C-alpha atoms as a PDB file:
ATOM      1  CA  MET A   1       0.000   0.000   0.000  1.00  0.00           C
ATOM      2  CA  ASN A   2       1.432   3.345  -1.005  1.00  0.00           C
ATOM      3  CA  SER A   3       1.785   5.508   2.082  1.00  0.00           C
ATOM      4  CA  SER A   4       0.211   8.469   0.298  1.00  0.00           C
ATOM      5  CA  SER A   5      -3.137   6.771   0.960  1.00  0.00           C
ATOM      6  CA  ILE A   6      -2.543   6.928   4.719  1.00  0.00           C
ATOM      7  CA  GLU A   7      -3.312  10.009   6.777  1.00  0.00           C
ATOM      8  CA  GLN A   8      -0.195  12.134   6.562  1.00  0.00           C
ATOM      9  CA  LEU A   9       1.956  12.221   9.681  1.00  0.00           C
ATOM     10  CA  VAL A  10       3.965  15.184   8.454  1.00  0.00           C
ATOM     11  CA  THR A  11       1.302  17.769   9.291  1.00  0.00           C
ATOM     12  CA  GLU A  12       0.693  19.219  12.741  1.00  0.00           C
ATOM     13  CA  LYS A  13      -2.952  18.159  12.688  1.00  0.00           C
ATOM     14  CA  GLY A  14      -2.173  14.627  11.539  1.00  0.00           C
ATOM     15  CA  VAL A  15       0.564  14.191  14.148  1.00  0.00           C
ATOM     16  CA  ALA A  16      -1.633  15.433  16.999  1.00  0.00           C
ATOM     17  CA  ARG A  17      -4.516  13.175  15.975  1.00  0.00           C
ATOM     18  CA  ALA A  18      -2.290  10.108  15.612  1.00  0.00           C
ATOM     19  CA  ALA A  19      -0.659  10.724  18.994  1.00  0.00           C
ATOM     20  CA  ARG A  20      -4.019  11.096  20.704  1.00  0.00           C
ATOM     21  CA  GLN A  21      -5.387   7.963  19.044  1.00  0.00           C
ATOM     22  CA  ALA A  22      -2.319   5.987  20.101  1.00  0.00           C
ATOM     23  CA  VAL A  23      -2.728   6.997  23.747  1.00  0.00           C
ATOM     24  CA  LEU A  24      -6.474   6.338  23.756  1.00  0.00           C
ATOM     25  CA  GLY A  25      -5.893   2.964  22.124  1.00  0.00           C
ATOM     26  CA  ALA A  26      -3.368   2.027  24.800  1.00  0.00           C
ATOM     27  CA  LEU A  27      -5.699   3.196  27.568  1.00  0.00           C
ATOM     28  CA  GLY A  28      -8.572   1.164  26.146  1.00  0.00           C
ATOM     29  CA  GLY A  29      -6.678  -2.095  25.792  1.00  0.00           C
ATOM     30  CA  ASP A  30      -7.200  -5.228  27.872  1.00  0.00           C
ATOM     31  CA  PHE A  31      -4.609  -6.189  30.456  1.00  0.00           C
ATOM     32  CA  SER A  32      -3.862  -9.077  32.753  1.00  0.00           C
ATOM     33  CA  VAL A  33      -3.524  -8.519  36.497  1.00  0.00           C
ATOM     34  CA  ASP A  34      -0.177  -9.487  37.949  1.00  0.00           C
ATOM     35  CA  PRO A  35      -0.615 -10.899  41.480  1.00  0.00           C
ATOM     36  CA  ILE A  36       2.483  -9.099  42.763  1.00  0.00           C
ATOM     37  CA  VAL A  37       1.709  -5.526  41.707  1.00  0.00           C
ATOM     38  CA  GLY A  38      -2.095  -5.681  41.659  1.00  0.00           C
ATOM     39  CA  ALA A  39      -4.716  -4.407  39.226  1.00  0.00           C
ATOM     40  CA  ALA A  40      -3.987  -0.672  39.279  1.00  0.00           C
ATOM     41  CA  MET A  41      -0.245  -0.992  38.763  1.00  0.00           C
ATOM     42  CA  SER A  42      -0.727  -3.753  36.190  1.00  0.00           C
ATOM     43  CA  ARG A  43      -2.858  -1.377  34.161  1.00  0.00           C
ATOM     44  CA  CYS A  44      -0.144   1.297  34.309  1.00  0.00           C
ATOM     45  CA  PHE A  45       2.479  -1.126  33.015  1.00  0.00           C
ATOM     46  CA  SER A  46       0.120  -2.415  30.328  1.00  0.00           C
ATOM     47  CA  VAL A  47      -0.784   1.039  29.034  1.00  0.00           C
ATOM     48  CA  ILE A  48       2.808   2.244  28.861  1.00  0.00           C
ATOM     49  CA  GLY A  49       4.015  -0.987  27.233  1.00  0.00           C
ATOM     50  CA  SER A  50       1.233  -0.825  24.670  1.00  0.00           C
ATOM     51  CA  LEU A  51       2.007   2.806  23.874  1.00  0.00           C
ATOM     52  CA  ILE A  52       5.682   2.011  23.330  1.00  0.00           C
ATOM     53  CA  GLN A  53       4.683  -0.637  20.769  1.00  0.00           C
ATOM     54  CA  ARG A  54       2.301   1.782  19.075  1.00  0.00           C
ATOM     55  CA  HIS A  55       5.063   4.382  18.935  1.00  0.00           C
ATOM     56  CA  GLY A  56       7.208   1.911  16.982  1.00  0.00           C
ATOM     57  CA  LEU A  57       4.474   1.520  14.369  1.00  0.00           C
ATOM     58  CA  LEU A  58       4.032   5.286  14.208  1.00  0.00           C
ATOM     59  CA  ILE A  59       7.757   5.704  13.527  1.00  0.00           C
ATOM     60  CA  GLN A  60       7.337   3.448  10.493  1.00  0.00           C
ATOM     61  CA  ARG A  61       4.301   5.400   9.277  1.00  0.00           C
ATOM     62  CA  THR A  62       6.000   8.741   9.814  1.00  0.00           C
ATOM     63  CA  LEU A  63       9.076   7.691   7.854  1.00  0.00           C
ATOM     64  CA  ALA A  64       6.868   6.549   4.986  1.00  0.00           C
ATOM     65  CA  ASP A  65       4.862   9.765   4.919  1.00  0.00           C
ATOM     66  CA  ALA A  66       7.960  11.955   5.173  1.00  0.00           C
ATOM     67  CA  LEU A  67       9.564  10.165   2.229  1.00  0.00           C
ATOM     68  CA  VAL A  68       6.412  10.493   0.127  1.00  0.00           C
ATOM     69  CA  ALA A  69       6.070  14.172   1.076  1.00  0.00           C
ATOM     70  CA  SER A  70       9.566  14.827  -0.289  1.00  0.00           C
ATOM     71  CA  GLY A  71       8.250  14.206  -3.797  1.00  0.00           C
ATOM     72  CA  ARG A  72      11.168  11.938  -4.685  1.00  0.00           C
ATOM     73  CA  PHE A  73       9.982   8.510  -3.639  1.00  0.00           C
ATOM     74  CA  ASP A  74       7.242   5.971  -4.098  1.00  0.00           C
ATOM     75  CA  VAL A  75       6.777   4.198  -0.767  1.00  0.00           C
ATOM     76  CA  PHE A  76       4.989   0.946  -0.006  1.00  0.00           C
ATOM     77  CA  SER A  77       4.327  -0.577   3.406  1.00  0.00           C
ATOM     78  CA  ASN A  78       4.286  -4.248   4.455  1.00  0.00           C
ATOM     79  CA  VAL A  79       5.294  -5.646   1.079  1.00  0.00           C
ATOM     80  CA  GLN A  80       5.873  -9.382   0.710  1.00  0.00           C
ATOM     81  CA  ILE A  81       8.940 -10.426  -1.297  1.00  0.00           C
ATOM     82  CA  PRO A  82       9.899 -14.063  -2.012  1.00  0.00           C
ATOM     83  CA  LEU A  83      13.111 -15.456  -0.556  1.00  0.00           C
ATOM     84  CA  THR A  84      13.979 -17.887  -3.327  1.00  0.00           C
ATOM     85  CA  GLU A  85      15.816 -21.169  -2.996  1.00  0.00           C
ATOM     86  CA  ALA A  86      18.615 -19.795  -5.172  1.00  0.00           C
ATOM     87  CA  ALA A  87      19.102 -16.791  -2.893  1.00  0.00           C
ATOM     88  CA  ASN A  88      18.919 -18.958   0.196  1.00  0.00           C
ATOM     89  CA  ASP A  89      21.549 -21.344  -1.193  1.00  0.00           C
ATOM     90  CA  LEU A  90      23.923 -18.472  -1.965  1.00  0.00           C
ATOM     91  CA  LEU A  91      23.575 -17.209   1.595  1.00  0.00           C
ATOM     92  CA  ALA A  92      24.244 -20.689   2.960  1.00  0.00           C
ATOM     93  CA  SER A  93      27.452 -20.906   0.922  1.00  0.00           C
ATOM     94  CA  ARG A  94      28.826 -17.999   2.970  1.00  0.00           C
ATOM     95  CA  ASN A  95      29.731 -15.757   0.064  1.00  0.00           C
ATOM     96  CA  ALA A  96      31.224 -12.395   0.998  1.00  0.00           C
ATOM     97  CA  PRO A  97      28.540  -9.726   1.618  1.00  0.00           C
ATOM     98  CA  GLY A  98      30.054  -7.512  -1.065  1.00  0.00           C
ATOM     99  CA  ASN A  99      29.718 -10.271  -3.647  1.00  0.00           C
ATOM    100  CA  LEU A 100      26.144 -11.101  -2.641  1.00  0.00           C
ATOM    101  CA  ALA A 101      25.121  -7.455  -3.013  1.00  0.00           C
ATOM    102  CA  LYS A 102      26.057  -7.588  -6.708  1.00  0.00           C
ATOM    103  CA  ILE A 103      23.985 -10.681  -7.523  1.00  0.00           C
ATOM    104  CA  ARG A 104      20.599 -10.299  -9.228  1.00  0.00           C
ATOM    105  CA  LEU A 105      18.238 -13.292  -9.288  1.00  0.00           C
ATOM    106  CA  GLN A 106      14.791 -14.004 -10.702  1.00  0.00           C
ATOM    107  CA  SER A 107      12.043 -13.541  -8.126  1.00  0.00           C
ATOM    108  CA  ASP A 108       9.583 -16.006  -9.682  1.00  0.00           C
ATOM    109  CA  SER A 109      11.639 -19.151  -9.047  1.00  0.00           C
ATOM    110  CA  ARG A 110      10.803 -21.581  -6.234  1.00  0.00           C
ATOM    111  CA  ALA A 111      10.519 -19.718  -2.924  1.00  0.00           C
ATOM    112  CA  VAL A 112      11.565 -20.874   0.534  1.00  0.00           C
ATOM    113  CA  ARG A 113       9.230 -18.367   2.171  1.00  0.00           C
ATOM    114  CA  MET A 114       7.824 -14.865   1.842  1.00  0.00           C
ATOM    115  CA  VAL A 115       9.571 -12.014   3.608  1.00  0.00           C
ATOM    116  CA  THR A 116       7.629  -8.905   4.652  1.00  0.00           C
ATOM    117  CA  LEU A 117       9.395  -5.578   4.178  1.00  0.00           C
ATOM    118  CA  ASP A 118       8.102  -2.871   6.504  1.00  0.00           C
ATOM    119  CA  LEU A 119       9.020  -0.244   3.919  1.00  0.00           C
ATOM    120  CA  LEU A 120       9.818  -0.496   0.226  1.00  0.00           C
ATOM    121  CA  VAL A 121      11.177   2.815  -1.049  1.00  0.00           C
ATOM    122  CA  VAL A 122      11.637   3.465  -4.782  1.00  0.00           C
ATOM    123  CA  GLU A 123      13.172   6.446  -6.540  1.00  0.00           C
ATOM    124  CA  PRO A 124      12.240   5.759 -10.172  1.00  0.00           C
ATOM    125  CA  GLU A 125      14.112   8.694 -11.688  1.00  0.00           C
ATOM    126  CA  VAL A 126      17.509   7.361 -10.643  1.00  0.00           C
ATOM    127  CA  GLY A 127      16.676   3.639 -10.704  1.00  0.00           C
ATOM    128  CA  TRP A 128      17.170   3.069  -6.970  1.00  0.00           C
ATOM    129  CA  ALA A 129      15.140   1.016  -4.475  1.00  0.00           C
ATOM    130  CA  GLY A 130      15.543   0.080  -0.831  1.00  0.00           C
ATOM    131  CA  GLY A 131      13.778  -2.517   1.295  1.00  0.00           C
ATOM    132  CA  TYR A 132      13.730  -2.022   5.063  1.00  0.00           C
ATOM    133  CA  ASP A 133      12.699  -3.590   8.303  1.00  0.00           C
ATOM    134  CA  VAL A 134      11.934  -0.841  10.825  1.00  0.00           C
ATOM    135  CA  LYS A 135      12.764  -1.207  14.517  1.00  0.00           C
ATOM    136  CA  ARG A 136      12.089   1.298  17.267  1.00  0.00           C
ATOM    137  CA  GLY A 137      15.356  -0.011  18.649  1.00  0.00           C
ATOM    138  CA  ASN A 138      15.216   1.049  22.282  1.00  0.00           C
ATOM    139  CA  GLY A 139      16.054  -2.474  23.440  1.00  0.00           C
ATOM    140  CA  ALA A 140      17.943  -5.529  22.234  1.00  0.00           C
ATOM    141  CA  THR A 141      16.361  -7.975  19.793  1.00  0.00           C
ATOM    142  CA  ASP A 142      16.926 -11.612  20.740  1.00  0.00           C
ATOM    143  CA  SER A 143      19.609 -13.252  18.600  1.00  0.00           C
ATOM    144  CA  ARG A 144      17.173 -16.036  17.659  1.00  0.00           C
ATOM    145  CA  LYS A 145      15.086 -13.389  15.867  1.00  0.00           C
ATOM    146  CA  ARG A 146      17.923 -11.113  14.818  1.00  0.00           C
ATOM    147  CA  ARG A 147      19.940 -13.558  12.725  1.00  0.00           C
ATOM    148  CA  PRO A 148      17.020 -14.845  10.593  1.00  0.00           C
ATOM    149  CA  GLN A 149      15.945 -11.266   9.857  1.00  0.00           C
ATOM    150  CA  GLU A 150      19.444 -10.302   8.724  1.00  0.00           C
ATOM    151  CA  HIS A 151      19.593 -13.475   6.615  1.00  0.00           C
ATOM    152  CA  ASP A 152      16.238 -12.819   4.952  1.00  0.00           C
ATOM    153  CA  LEU A 153      17.011  -9.172   4.143  1.00  0.00           C
ATOM    154  CA  LYS A 154      20.250 -10.135   2.417  1.00  0.00           C
ATOM    155  CA  GLY A 155      18.387 -12.772   0.400  1.00  0.00           C
ATOM    156  CA  VAL A 156      15.596 -10.397  -0.588  1.00  0.00           C
ATOM    157  CA  GLY A 157      18.196  -7.945  -1.856  1.00  0.00           C
ATOM    158  CA  MET A 158      19.151 -10.410  -4.598  1.00  0.00           C
ATOM    159  CA  VAL A 159      15.601 -10.690  -6.005  1.00  0.00           C
ATOM    160  CA  LEU A 160      14.253  -7.211  -5.287  1.00  0.00           C
ATOM    161  CA  ALA A 161      15.125  -5.618  -8.642  1.00  0.00           C
ATOM    162  CA  ASP A 162      13.384  -8.394 -10.562  1.00  0.00           C
ATOM    163  CA  HIS A 163      10.348  -8.274  -8.255  1.00  0.00           C
ATOM    164  CA  LEU A 164      10.019  -4.539  -8.845  1.00  0.00           C
ATOM    165  CA  VAL A 165       9.663  -5.169 -12.579  1.00  0.00           C
ATOM    166  CA  LYS A 166       6.412  -6.943 -11.752  1.00  0.00           C
ATOM    167  CA  LEU A 167       5.297  -3.811  -9.889  1.00  0.00           C
ATOM    168  CA  GLY A 168       5.949  -1.673 -12.963  1.00  0.00           C
ATOM    169  CA  TYR A 169       9.471  -0.449 -12.152  1.00  0.00           C
ATOM    170  CA  GLU A 170      11.559  -1.702 -15.072  1.00  0.00           C
ATOM    171  CA  ARG A 171      14.646   0.478 -14.715  1.00  0.00           C
ATOM    172  CA  ILE A 172      15.820  -0.269 -11.188  1.00  0.00           C
ATOM    173  CA  THR A 173      19.570  -0.815 -11.375  1.00  0.00           C
ATOM    174  CA  GLU A 174      20.579  -0.244  -7.751  1.00  0.00           C
ATOM    175  CA  VAL A 175      18.982  -1.899  -4.720  1.00  0.00           C
ATOM    176  CA  THR A 176      19.753  -2.026  -1.033  1.00  0.00           C
ATOM    177  CA  THR A 177      18.214  -3.696   1.983  1.00  0.00           C
ATOM    178  CA  GLY A 178      18.679  -2.872   5.622  1.00  0.00           C
ATOM    179  CA  ILE A 179      17.267  -2.464   9.098  1.00  0.00           C
ATOM    180  CA  ILE A 180      16.274   0.977  10.290  1.00  0.00           C
ATOM    181  CA  ASP A 181      17.253   0.768  13.959  1.00  0.00           C
ATOM    182  CA  TYR A 182      15.876   4.124  15.059  1.00  0.00           C
ATOM    183  CA  TYR A 183      17.289   4.322  18.598  1.00  0.00           C
ATOM    184  CA  GLY A 184      20.169   2.009  17.768  1.00  0.00           C
ATOM    185  CA  LEU A 185      19.928  -0.531  20.589  1.00  0.00           C
ATOM    186  CA  SER A 186      18.570  -3.576  18.731  1.00  0.00           C
ATOM    187  CA  ASN A 187      22.011  -5.208  18.411  1.00  0.00           C
ATOM    188  CA  PHE A 188      21.739  -5.851  14.683  1.00  0.00           C
ATOM    189  CA  SER A 189      24.948  -6.033  12.670  1.00  0.00           C
ATOM    190  CA  ARG A 190      26.361  -2.585  11.946  1.00  0.00           C
ATOM    191  CA  GLU A 191      26.828  -3.510   8.291  1.00  0.00           C
ATOM    192  CA  ILE A 192      23.073  -3.866   7.771  1.00  0.00           C
ATOM    193  CA  LYS A 193      21.491  -1.271  10.060  1.00  0.00           C
ATOM    194  CA  ILE A 194      20.856   2.454   9.700  1.00  0.00           C
ATOM    195  CA  LEU A 195      20.492   4.512  12.871  1.00  0.00           C
ATOM    196  CA  GLY A 196      17.808   7.145  13.234  1.00  0.00           C
ATOM    197  CA  SER A 197      20.440   9.879  13.283  1.00  0.00           C
ATOM    198  CA  GLU A 198      21.675   8.673   9.868  1.00  0.00           C
ATOM    199  CA  LEU A 199      18.342   8.647   8.051  1.00  0.00           C
ATOM    200  CA  ASP A 200      18.414  12.191   6.659  1.00  0.00           C
ATOM    201  CA  GLU A 201      21.778  11.519   5.032  1.00  0.00           C
ATOM    202  CA  HIS A 202      20.786   8.018   3.917  1.00  0.00           C
ATOM    203  CA  PHE A 203      17.686   9.161   2.036  1.00  0.00           C
ATOM    204  CA  GLY A 204      18.863  12.667   1.203  1.00  0.00           C
ATOM    205  CA  VAL A 205      15.659  14.267   2.520  1.00  0.00           C
ATOM    206  CA  PRO A 206      14.620  15.386   6.043  1.00  0.00           C
ATOM    207  CA  VAL A 207      12.754  12.681   7.910  1.00  0.00           C
ATOM    208  CA  VAL A 208      14.137  12.716  11.466  1.00  0.00           C
ATOM    209  CA  ALA A 209      12.483  16.016  12.431  1.00  0.00           C
ATOM    210  CA  HIS A 210       9.102  14.508  11.561  1.00  0.00           C
ATOM    211  CA  VAL A 211       9.714  11.475  13.768  1.00  0.00           C
ATOM    212  CA  GLU A 212      10.863  13.685  16.640  1.00  0.00           C
ATOM    213  CA  ALA A 213       7.738  15.852  16.310  1.00  0.00           C
ATOM    214  CA  LEU A 214       5.590  12.719  16.418  1.00  0.00           C
ATOM    215  CA  THR A 215       7.463  11.455  19.480  1.00  0.00           C
ATOM    216  CA  GLU A 216       6.968  14.736  21.320  1.00  0.00           C
ATOM    217  CA  ALA A 217       3.247  14.684  20.505  1.00  0.00           C
ATOM    218  CA  VAL A 218       2.894  11.135  21.882  1.00  0.00           C
ATOM    219  CA  ARG A 219       4.815  12.115  25.017  1.00  0.00           C
ATOM    220  CA  THR A 220       2.584  15.149  25.572  1.00  0.00           C
ATOM    221  CA  ALA A 221      -0.603  13.136  25.045  1.00  0.00           C
ATOM    222  CA  LEU A 222       0.575  10.479  27.509  1.00  0.00           C
ATOM    223  CA  HIS A 223       1.586  13.004  30.155  1.00  0.00           C
ATOM    224  CA  ALA A 224      -1.897  14.528  30.011  1.00  0.00           C
ATOM    225  CA  GLU A 225      -3.326  11.140  31.030  1.00  0.00           C
ATOM    226  CA  LEU A 226      -0.702  10.167  33.627  1.00  0.00           C
ATOM    227  CA  PRO A 227      -2.362  11.724  36.711  1.00  0.00           C
ATOM    228  CA  ASP A 228      -5.587   9.758  36.176  1.00  0.00           C
ATOM    229  CA  LEU A 229      -3.633   6.646  35.189  1.00  0.00           C
ATOM    230  CA  LEU A 230      -1.312   6.711  38.195  1.00  0.00           C
ATOM    231  CA  ARG A 231      -3.748   7.942  40.852  1.00  0.00           C
ATOM    232  CA  PRO A 232      -5.343   4.544  41.659  1.00  0.00           C
ATOM    233  CA  ALA A 233      -1.952   2.845  41.779  1.00  0.00           C
ATOM    234  CA  ILE A 234      -0.380   5.438  44.084  1.00  0.00           C
ATOM    235  CA  GLN A 235      -3.392   5.683  46.377  1.00  0.00           C
ATOM    236  CA  GLY A 236      -3.289   1.924  46.811  1.00  0.00           C
ATOM    237  CA  LEU A 237       0.279   1.925  48.113  1.00  0.00           C
ATOM    238  CA  PRO A 238       0.765   1.277  51.845  1.00  0.00           C
ATOM    239  CA  GLY A 239       1.428   4.440  53.848  1.00  0.00           C
ATOM    240  CA  ILE A 240      -0.082   6.812  51.280  1.00  0.00           C
ATOM    241  CA  ALA A 241      -2.592   8.766  53.346  1.00  0.00           C
ATOM    242  CA  ALA A 242      -2.906  12.070  51.499  1.00  0.00           C
ATOM    243  CA  PRO A 243      -5.130  12.025  48.407  1.00  0.00           C
ATOM    244  CA  PHE A 244      -3.382  12.225  45.046  1.00  0.00           C
ATOM    245  CA  PRO A 245      -4.201  15.705  43.653  1.00  0.00           C
ATOM    246  CA  SER A 246      -6.075  16.150  40.431  1.00  0.00           C
ATOM    247  CA  PRO A 247      -4.217  17.976  37.639  1.00  0.00           C
ATOM    248  CA  ALA A 248      -6.258  21.128  38.330  1.00  0.00           C
ATOM    249  CA  GLU A 249      -5.519  20.958  42.053  1.00  0.00           C
ATOM    250  CA  ALA A 250      -1.831  20.385  41.444  1.00  0.00           C
ATOM    251  CA  VAL A 251      -1.594  23.373  39.113  1.00  0.00           C
ATOM    252  CA  SER A 252      -3.674  25.536  41.449  1.00  0.00           C
ATOM    253  CA  GLY A 253      -1.411  24.703  44.372  1.00  0.00           C
ATOM    254  CA  ARG A 254       1.660  25.788  42.435  1.00  0.00           C
ATOM    255  CA  VAL A 255       0.094  28.969  41.096  1.00  0.00           C
ATOM    256  CA  ASN A 256      -1.363  30.161  44.414  1.00  0.00           C
ATOM    257  CA  ALA A 257       1.596  29.271  46.623  1.00  0.00           C
ATOM    258  CA  ARG A 258       2.914  32.331  48.523  1.00  0.00           C
ATOM    259  CA  PRO A 259       6.366  32.757  50.036  1.00  0.00           C
ATOM    260  CA  VAL A 260       6.348  31.418  53.616  1.00  0.00           C
ATOM    261  CA  GLY A 261       8.732  32.891  56.213  1.00  0.00           C
ATOM    262  CA  PRO A 262       9.826  31.316  59.512  1.00  0.00           C
ATOM    263  CA  GLY A 263       7.234  33.330  61.519  1.00  0.00           C
ATOM    264  CA  PRO A 264       7.809  34.399  65.139  1.00  0.00           C
ATOM    265  CA  ARG A 265      10.973  33.238  66.840  1.00  0.00           C
ATOM    266  CA  ARG A 266      10.492  29.792  68.291  1.00  0.00           C
ATOM    267  CA  ALA A 267      12.426  27.822  70.848  1.00  0.00           C
ATOM    268  CA  ALA A 268      14.932  25.428  69.354  1.00  0.00           C
ATOM    269  CA  PRO A 269      13.911  21.751  69.506  1.00  0.00           C
ATOM    270  CA  SER A 270      15.091  19.957  72.610  1.00  0.00           C
ATOM    271  CA  GLY A 271      18.415  18.179  72.277  1.00  0.00           C
ATOM    272  CA  HIS A 272      20.023  20.944  70.165  1.00  0.00           C
END
C-alpha cells in the first residue's frame, strides 16, 4: 500500500490526531492482572508498554509519509517479497557480503518463504530502491530473531530488482536492503542497520524532524493522562494517606503558593 493513501503524519494536525489515538488505544486495551503488583499498577504497566509498541508503528508510518512528502519517492508498506531457494543457497554458501550485493536473481523461481518488508522505497528517476525492516530499537532484539531477519534481508536484496519489474518499475539498477534501527539498541549487525540519526543523510531528505515531532506529541498526550492513570496505583500503596491531587488541584497549588517565612521566633527543639 502506497503511504500516500494513509493520513499524513507530516502535518501538525495529523501528528496530533495520531498521537491522541495511540494513547487512547493504549488506555482502552485489555490487560492481565499481575498478582504481585495488583490491578492498578498492572494497568499502568500495560498502558505504557502498549504505547511504546504503538510508537514503533508510528515511527514506520511517519518515515513513509515523510519520504512520500519529499516528492522523490514511491513508498509501499508491508510488502511481501519471495526469498527464493537460489538466494537462500547463496547465503548458505557464505559468500562475501560484497559479492552477494552484486547478484541479481529471478524472483519467480521456487521460494523458501515470503519475507515482509516494513518499507519499500523506490526512486524511479535514478533507478534506486531500498527494502527495510523498521525497529524502534530502544532495546535488544533476541539473537534467535535477529539472525534470521538479517539473513532474509540479504536474500531479498538479490531478487528485489526483478520483483520490482512486476510492480511496474523496469529500470531499477541499484537496490539495497537494511534495518532501520531508530534508537540504535537492537544489536543488529552494523553492516546492515541504519540509525535514526543517519536517516536524513541516507535518504537525502529530512525525515528525522518529523519522527521527533511525532514522538513529542505522543509524550505530551501520555503526560496529560498520567495523573488519572497513576492515581489509583499510588493511592493503593501502603502508607499513602494524602489524596493524590487532580491535575487542576496540582496546578492551582503551584500557582497560588505564597512565600512562607519562619514566623515568630520559636524555641529550638530539645536536644540541640
